[in-house]
Amino acid sequence: MMFDLHIHSVFSDGELIPSEIARRCEFLGYKAIAITDHADFSNIEFILKNVLKACEELNRVMDIEVIPGIEITHVPPRKIPELAKTARKLGAKLVVVHGESMVEPVAEGTNRHALESNIDILAHPGLISIEEAYMAKENNIYLELTVRRGHCLANGHVARVAKEAGAELIVSTDAHSPSDLVKPDFLKKVCIGSGLNERDTEIITTVNPKRLLEEL
């Protein structure tokens, strides 16, 4: 069973509608996926209204599970806890925060404020500190390894720091277009390329996402 819990649709800056995302991922062999479009205070209601509707219809007829989520993105750090609460109230089952990737000017303090919020995944957290990794462990927040170009440059660092702190990892595509979607086995290669062994890779690609979904 394989999972991809970070995908974008046309409701933010992705290229595909939810139905096509679900079908392409079903064809590739995924068990479950999450649609997690970029949001701030201006569009979160619009996104979740439409994604929830799509997920409800798709889950009635497809073998793949489609989870409604959100990715809080470039929001001023102090506002992240508030927006995470809003996302939950609006029906988001999975709340992701766009971490301090090395290749984007995300505000300093985003990682820390995200890890103090009611979220599930801190996406591509860049050069995350060991103190922040311990926060992730304490608050049961998963740190993301990513397939996405640019963001993936810190994968090795994230894997090392997470392992040192005992924080849980997850791996996702952060797909925005059809070409970003990969076969499930490629996610395992990303983990191995991040310096992890085969046992850790199996946990990250199979055990951790399954556990996370059971906790939602």
C-alpha atoms as a PDB file:
ATOM      1  CA  MET A   1       0.000   0.000   0.000  1.00  0.00           C
ATOM      2  CA  MET A   2       1.374   3.391  -0.981  1.00  0.00           C
ATOM      3  CA  PHE A   3       0.251   6.912  -0.235  1.00  0.00           C
ATOM      4  CA  ASP A   4       0.796  10.471  -1.476  1.00  0.00           C
ATOM      5  CA  LEU A   5      -0.507  13.027   1.007  1.00  0.00           C
ATOM      6  CA  HIS A   6       0.552  16.266  -0.704  1.00  0.00           C
ATOM      7  CA  ILE A   7      -0.963  17.053  -4.127  1.00  0.00           C
ATOM      8  CA  HIS A   8      -2.262  20.302  -5.655  1.00  0.00           C
ATOM      9  CA  SER A   9      -5.268  20.779  -7.930  1.00  0.00           C
ATOM     10  CA  VAL A  10      -6.702  23.596 -10.040  1.00  0.00           C
ATOM     11  CA  PHE A  11      -8.131  25.065  -6.858  1.00  0.00           C
ATOM     12  CA  SER A  12      -4.708  26.618  -6.213  1.00  0.00           C
ATOM     13  CA  ASP A  13      -1.726  26.352  -8.566  1.00  0.00           C
ATOM     14  CA  GLY A  14      -2.108  22.775  -9.780  1.00  0.00           C
ATOM     15  CA  GLU A  15      -3.031  21.803 -13.329  1.00  0.00           C
ATOM     16  CA  LEU A  16      -5.520  18.985 -12.764  1.00  0.00           C
ATOM     17  CA  ILE A  17      -9.057  18.700 -11.437  1.00  0.00           C
ATOM     18  CA  PRO A  18      -9.548  16.283  -8.512  1.00  0.00           C
ATOM     19  CA  SER A  19     -11.104  13.551 -10.660  1.00  0.00           C
ATOM     20  CA  GLU A  20      -8.066  13.393 -12.927  1.00  0.00           C
ATOM     21  CA  ILE A  21      -5.670  13.436  -9.978  1.00  0.00           C
ATOM     22  CA  ALA A  22      -7.560  10.541  -8.403  1.00  0.00           C
ATOM     23  CA  ARG A  23      -7.681   8.502 -11.603  1.00  0.00           C
ATOM     24  CA  ARG A  24      -4.008   9.033 -12.422  1.00  0.00           C
ATOM     25  CA  CYS A  25      -2.985   8.053  -8.886  1.00  0.00           C
ATOM     26  CA  GLU A  26      -5.317   5.052  -8.896  1.00  0.00           C
ATOM     27  CA  PHE A  27      -3.722   3.935 -12.165  1.00  0.00           C
ATOM     28  CA  LEU A  28      -0.244   4.328 -10.669  1.00  0.00           C
ATOM     29  CA  GLY A  29      -1.216   2.069  -7.787  1.00  0.00           C
ATOM     30  CA  TYR A  30      -1.740   4.372  -4.798  1.00  0.00           C
ATOM     31  CA  LYS A  31      -3.990   3.339  -1.908  1.00  0.00           C
ATOM     32  CA  ALA A  32      -4.818   6.883  -0.759  1.00  0.00           C
ATOM     33  CA  ILE A  33      -3.973  10.465  -1.679  1.00  0.00           C
ATOM     34  CA  ALA A  34      -4.654  13.907  -0.222  1.00  0.00           C
ATOM     35  CA  ILE A  35      -5.493  17.055  -2.144  1.00  0.00           C
ATOM     36  CA  THR A  36      -3.784  19.866  -0.245  1.00  0.00           C
ATOM     37  CA  ASP A  37      -4.086  23.128  -2.135  1.00  0.00           C
ATOM     38  CA  HIS A  38      -2.210  26.281  -1.185  1.00  0.00           C
ATOM     39  CA  ALA A  39      -4.287  28.511   1.077  1.00  0.00           C
ATOM     40  CA  ASP A  40      -4.305  31.653   3.152  1.00  0.00           C
ATOM     41  CA  PHE A  41      -7.228  33.587   4.655  1.00  0.00           C
ATOM     42  CA  SER A  42      -8.425  34.738   1.225  1.00  0.00           C
ATOM     43  CA  ASN A  43      -9.157  31.383  -0.403  1.00  0.00           C
ATOM     44  CA  ILE A  44      -9.365  28.666   2.245  1.00  0.00           C
ATOM     45  CA  GLU A  45     -13.170  28.536   2.238  1.00  0.00           C
ATOM     46  CA  PHE A  46     -13.312  28.341  -1.552  1.00  0.00           C
ATOM     47  CA  ILE A  47     -10.758  25.536  -1.698  1.00  0.00           C
ATOM     48  CA  LEU A  48     -12.232  23.357   1.007  1.00  0.00           C
ATOM     49  CA  LYS A  49     -15.816  23.773  -0.191  1.00  0.00           C
ATOM     50  CA  ASN A  50     -14.853  22.427  -3.601  1.00  0.00           C
ATOM     51  CA  VAL A  51     -12.333  19.813  -2.518  1.00  0.00           C
ATOM     52  CA  LEU A  52     -14.732  18.384   0.075  1.00  0.00           C
ATOM     53  CA  LYS A  53     -17.418  18.092  -2.591  1.00  0.00           C
ATOM     54  CA  ALA A  54     -15.036  16.342  -4.976  1.00  0.00           C
ATOM     55  CA  CYS A  55     -13.731  13.933  -2.341  1.00  0.00           C
ATOM     56  CA  GLU A  56     -17.234  12.976  -1.249  1.00  0.00           C
ATOM     57  CA  GLU A  57     -18.239  12.042  -4.794  1.00  0.00           C
ATOM     58  CA  LEU A  58     -14.980  10.291  -5.699  1.00  0.00           C
ATOM     59  CA  ASN A  59     -14.873   8.207  -2.533  1.00  0.00           C
ATOM     60  CA  ARG A  60     -18.299   6.786  -3.343  1.00  0.00           C
ATOM     61  CA  VAL A  61     -17.165   5.140  -6.562  1.00  0.00           C
ATOM     62  CA  MET A  62     -13.365   4.776  -6.639  1.00  0.00           C
ATOM     63  CA  ASP A  63     -11.055   2.232  -5.061  1.00  0.00           C
ATOM     64  CA  ILE A  64      -8.548   4.938  -4.091  1.00  0.00           C
ATOM     65  CA  GLU A  65      -9.270   7.089  -1.012  1.00  0.00           C
ATOM     66  CA  VAL A  66      -9.160  10.836  -1.671  1.00  0.00           C
ATOM     67  CA  ILE A  67      -8.633  12.932   1.450  1.00  0.00           C
ATOM     68  CA  PRO A  68      -9.577  16.618   1.682  1.00  0.00           C
ATOM     69  CA  GLY A  69      -6.681  18.674   2.969  1.00  0.00           C
ATOM     70  CA  ILE A  70      -5.051  22.081   2.807  1.00  0.00           C
ATOM     71  CA  GLU A  71      -1.533  23.492   2.684  1.00  0.00           C
ATOM     72  CA  ILE A  72      -1.192  26.739   4.623  1.00  0.00           C
ATOM     73  CA  THR A  73       1.291  28.653   2.506  1.00  0.00           C
ATOM     74  CA  HIS A  74       3.394  31.815   3.031  1.00  0.00           C
ATOM     75  CA  VAL A  75       1.053  32.917   5.815  1.00  0.00           C
ATOM     76  CA  PRO A  76       2.676  35.212   8.416  1.00  0.00           C
ATOM     77  CA  PRO A  77       3.988  32.781  11.052  1.00  0.00           C
ATOM     78  CA  ARG A  78       1.932  34.149  13.948  1.00  0.00           C
ATOM     79  CA  LYS A  79      -1.264  33.606  11.945  1.00  0.00           C
ATOM     80  CA  ILE A  80      -0.607  29.909  11.243  1.00  0.00           C
ATOM     81  CA  PRO A  81      -2.262  28.535  14.435  1.00  0.00           C
ATOM     82  CA  GLU A  82      -5.416  30.532  13.739  1.00  0.00           C
ATOM     83  CA  LEU A  83      -5.640  29.407  10.114  1.00  0.00           C
ATOM     84  CA  ALA A  84      -5.009  25.789  11.094  1.00  0.00           C
ATOM     85  CA  LYS A  85      -8.016  25.985  13.427  1.00  0.00           C
ATOM     86  CA  THR A  86     -10.080  27.503  10.622  1.00  0.00           C
ATOM     87  CA  ALA A  87      -9.066  24.688   8.282  1.00  0.00           C
ATOM     88  CA  ARG A  88     -10.243  22.080  10.772  1.00  0.00           C
ATOM     89  CA  LYS A  89     -13.567  23.863  11.266  1.00  0.00           C
ATOM     90  CA  LEU A  90     -14.087  23.988   7.496  1.00  0.00           C
ATOM     91  CA  GLY A  91     -13.592  20.237   7.191  1.00  0.00           C
ATOM     92  CA  ALA A  92      -9.950  19.702   6.305  1.00  0.00           C
ATOM     93  CA  LYS A  93      -8.968  16.223   7.444  1.00  0.00           C
ATOM     94  CA  LEU A  94      -5.280  16.788   6.735  1.00  0.00           C
ATOM     95  CA  VAL A  95      -3.565  20.096   7.533  1.00  0.00           C
ATOM     96  CA  VAL A  96      -0.145  20.739   6.012  1.00  0.00           C
ATOM     97  CA  VAL A  97       2.037  23.820   6.404  1.00  0.00           C
ATOM     98  CA  HIS A  98       4.445  24.988   3.704  1.00  0.00           C
ATOM     99  CA  GLY A  99       7.746  24.860   5.558  1.00  0.00           C
ATOM    100  CA  GLU A 100      10.885  26.976   5.235  1.00  0.00           C
ATOM    101  CA  SER A 101      12.099  25.533   1.943  1.00  0.00           C
ATOM    102  CA  MET A 102      15.562  26.666   0.878  1.00  0.00           C
ATOM    103  CA  VAL A 103      14.273  27.851  -2.514  1.00  0.00           C
ATOM    104  CA  GLU A 104      11.415  30.135  -1.410  1.00  0.00           C
ATOM    105  CA  PRO A 105      11.338  33.257   0.791  1.00  0.00           C
ATOM    106  CA  VAL A 106       9.095  31.711   3.437  1.00  0.00           C
ATOM    107  CA  ALA A 107       9.136  33.879   6.559  1.00  0.00           C
ATOM    108  CA  GLU A 108      11.565  32.885   9.281  1.00  0.00           C
ATOM    109  CA  GLY A 109       9.655  31.347  12.154  1.00  0.00           C
ATOM    110  CA  THR A 110       7.216  29.475   9.902  1.00  0.00           C
ATOM    111  CA  ASN A 111       8.543  26.063  10.949  1.00  0.00           C
ATOM    112  CA  ARG A 112       8.380  26.869  14.656  1.00  0.00           C
ATOM    113  CA  HIS A 113       4.879  28.376  14.612  1.00  0.00           C
ATOM    114  CA  ALA A 114       3.618  25.499  12.447  1.00  0.00           C
ATOM    115  CA  LEU A 115       5.001  22.975  14.911  1.00  0.00           C
ATOM    116  CA  GLU A 116       3.139  24.755  17.712  1.00  0.00           C
ATOM    117  CA  SER A 117      -0.154  24.459  15.774  1.00  0.00           C
ATOM    118  CA  ASN A 118      -2.759  21.744  15.287  1.00  0.00           C
ATOM    119  CA  ILE A 119      -1.353  20.413  12.013  1.00  0.00           C
ATOM    120  CA  ASP A 120      -0.393  17.011  10.645  1.00  0.00           C
ATOM    121  CA  ILE A 121       2.562  17.566   8.298  1.00  0.00           C
ATOM    122  CA  LEU A 122       5.292  20.192   8.000  1.00  0.00           C
ATOM    123  CA  ALA A 123       6.117  20.096   4.307  1.00  0.00           C
ATOM    124  CA  HIS A 124       9.674  20.478   2.971  1.00  0.00           C
ATOM    125  CA  PRO A 125      10.957  22.173   6.163  1.00  0.00           C
ATOM    126  CA  GLY A 126      14.339  23.063   4.655  1.00  0.00           C
ATOM    127  CA  LEU A 127      17.217  23.461   7.097  1.00  0.00           C
ATOM    128  CA  ILE A 128      15.052  22.634  10.086  1.00  0.00           C
ATOM    129  CA  SER A 129      16.829  22.833  13.437  1.00  0.00           C
ATOM    130  CA  ILE A 130      17.232  19.937  15.824  1.00  0.00           C
ATOM    131  CA  GLU A 131      15.110  21.844  18.373  1.00  0.00           C
ATOM    132  CA  GLU A 132      12.301  22.093  15.826  1.00  0.00           C
ATOM    133  CA  ALA A 133      12.630  18.391  15.013  1.00  0.00           C
ATOM    134  CA  TYR A 134      12.153  17.635  18.721  1.00  0.00           C
ATOM    135  CA  MET A 135       9.035  19.834  18.639  1.00  0.00           C
ATOM    136  CA  ALA A 136       7.711  17.753  15.749  1.00  0.00           C
ATOM    137  CA  LYS A 137       8.249  14.579  17.747  1.00  0.00           C
ATOM    138  CA  GLU A 138       6.629  16.010  20.866  1.00  0.00           C
ATOM    139  CA  ASN A 139       3.578  17.287  18.974  1.00  0.00           C
ATOM    140  CA  ASN A 140       3.190  14.223  16.731  1.00  0.00           C
ATOM    141  CA  ILE A 141       3.743  16.193  13.521  1.00  0.00           C
ATOM    142  CA  TYR A 142       5.277  14.455  10.528  1.00  0.00           C
ATOM    143  CA  LEU A 143       8.214  16.017   8.666  1.00  0.00           C
ATOM    144  CA  GLU A 144       8.152  15.689   4.906  1.00  0.00           C
ATOM    145  CA  LEU A 145      10.694  14.399   2.449  1.00  0.00           C
ATOM    146  CA  THR A 146       9.704  15.575  -0.996  1.00  0.00           C
ATOM    147  CA  VAL A 147      10.033  14.678  -4.645  1.00  0.00           C
ATOM    148  CA  ARG A 148       9.546  18.287  -5.728  1.00  0.00           C
ATOM    149  CA  ARG A 149      12.477  19.983  -7.413  1.00  0.00           C
ATOM    150  CA  GLY A 150      14.172  22.663  -5.335  1.00  0.00           C
ATOM    151  CA  HIS A 151      12.379  21.693  -2.145  1.00  0.00           C
ATOM    152  CA  CYS A 152      14.100  18.297  -2.250  1.00  0.00           C
ATOM    153  CA  LEU A 153      17.563  19.862  -1.846  1.00  0.00           C
ATOM    154  CA  ALA A 154      17.288  19.632   1.943  1.00  0.00           C
ATOM    155  CA  ASN A 155      15.937  16.056   2.062  1.00  0.00           C
ATOM    156  CA  GLY A 156      19.189  14.651   3.401  1.00  0.00           C
ATOM    157  CA  HIS A 157      19.323  17.228   6.182  1.00  0.00           C
ATOM    158  CA  VAL A 158      15.662  16.697   7.095  1.00  0.00           C
ATOM    159  CA  ALA A 159      16.127  12.924   7.231  1.00  0.00           C
ATOM    160  CA  ARG A 160      19.237  13.186   9.400  1.00  0.00           C
ATOM    161  CA  VAL A 161      17.776  15.676  11.881  1.00  0.00           C
ATOM    162  CA  ALA A 162      14.474  13.814  12.113  1.00  0.00           C
ATOM    163  CA  LYS A 163      16.265  10.561  12.820  1.00  0.00           C
ATOM    164  CA  GLU A 164      18.398  12.209  15.507  1.00  0.00           C
ATOM    165  CA  ALA A 165      15.324  13.680  17.232  1.00  0.00           C
ATOM    166  CA  GLY A 166      13.133  10.630  16.744  1.00  0.00           C
ATOM    167  CA  ALA A 167      10.628  12.625  14.690  1.00  0.00           C
ATOM    168  CA  GLU A 168       8.469  10.765  12.184  1.00  0.00           C
ATOM    169  CA  LEU A 169       8.971  11.259   8.452  1.00  0.00           C
ATOM    170  CA  ILE A 170       6.652  11.009   5.484  1.00  0.00           C
ATOM    171  CA  VAL A 171       7.407  11.291   1.758  1.00  0.00           C
ATOM    172  CA  SER A 172       5.188  13.024  -0.817  1.00  0.00           C
ATOM    173  CA  THR A 173       5.341  14.303  -4.380  1.00  0.00           C
ATOM    174  CA  ASP A 174       3.980  17.837  -3.836  1.00  0.00           C
ATOM    175  CA  ALA A 175       2.630  17.327  -7.354  1.00  0.00           C
ATOM    176  CA  HIS A 176       1.304  20.276  -9.335  1.00  0.00           C
ATOM    177  CA  SER A 177       1.117  18.715 -12.812  1.00  0.00           C
ATOM    178  CA  PRO A 178       0.773  15.264 -14.414  1.00  0.00           C
ATOM    179  CA  SER A 179       4.530  15.044 -14.876  1.00  0.00           C
ATOM    180  CA  ASP A 180       5.038  15.478 -11.108  1.00  0.00           C
ATOM    181  CA  LEU A 181       3.130  12.299 -10.277  1.00  0.00           C
ATOM    182  CA  VAL A 182       5.430   9.307  -9.892  1.00  0.00           C
ATOM    183  CA  LYS A 183       5.088   5.567  -9.477  1.00  0.00           C
ATOM    184  CA  PRO A 184       4.962   4.535  -5.816  1.00  0.00           C
ATOM    185  CA  ASP A 185       8.357   2.837  -5.966  1.00  0.00           C
ATOM    186  CA  PHE A 186       9.970   6.179  -6.819  1.00  0.00           C
ATOM    187  CA  LEU A 187       9.005   7.469  -3.373  1.00  0.00           C
ATOM    188  CA  LYS A 188      11.143   4.706  -1.912  1.00  0.00           C
ATOM    189  CA  LYS A 189      14.055   5.821  -4.069  1.00  0.00           C
ATOM    190  CA  VAL A 190      13.701   9.363  -2.712  1.00  0.00           C
ATOM    191  CA  CYS A 191      14.004   8.006   0.823  1.00  0.00           C
ATOM    192  CA  ILE A 192      17.075   5.927  -0.035  1.00  0.00           C
ATOM    193  CA  GLY A 193      18.571   8.962  -1.763  1.00  0.00           C
ATOM    194  CA  SER A 194      18.028  10.930   1.444  1.00  0.00           C
ATOM    195  CA  GLY A 195      20.381   8.575   3.264  1.00  0.00           C
ATOM    196  CA  LEU A 196      17.830   6.261   4.845  1.00  0.00           C
ATOM    197  CA  ASN A 197      18.044   2.477   4.958  1.00  0.00           C
ATOM    198  CA  GLU A 198      15.484   0.058   3.553  1.00  0.00           C
ATOM    199  CA  ARG A 199      13.792  -0.556   6.898  1.00  0.00           C
ATOM    200  CA  ASP A 200      13.305   3.162   7.543  1.00  0.00           C
ATOM    201  CA  THR A 201      12.124   3.598   3.962  1.00  0.00           C
ATOM    202  CA  GLU A 202       9.423   0.969   4.384  1.00  0.00           C
ATOM    203  CA  ILE A 203       8.207   2.690   7.548  1.00  0.00           C
ATOM    204  CA  ILE A 204       8.147   6.118   5.913  1.00  0.00           C
ATOM    205  CA  THR A 205       6.339   5.034   2.745  1.00  0.00           C
ATOM    206  CA  THR A 206       3.863   2.567   4.225  1.00  0.00           C
ATOM    207  CA  VAL A 207       3.594   2.491   8.020  1.00  0.00           C
ATOM    208  CA  ASN A 208       3.705   6.231   8.766  1.00  0.00           C
ATOM    209  CA  PRO A 209       1.080   7.417   6.252  1.00  0.00           C
ATOM    210  CA  LYS A 210      -1.239   4.570   7.255  1.00  0.00           C
ATOM    211  CA  ARG A 211      -0.847   5.508  10.925  1.00  0.00           C
ATOM    212  CA  LEU A 212      -1.419   9.177  10.169  1.00  0.00           C
ATOM    213  CA  LEU A 213      -4.632   8.468   8.271  1.00  0.00           C
ATOM    214  CA  GLU A 214      -5.887   6.269  11.104  1.00  0.00           C
ATOM    215  CA  GLU A 215      -5.348   9.184  13.496  1.00  0.00           C
ATOM    216  CA  LEU A 216      -7.381  11.666  11.451  1.00  0.00           C
END
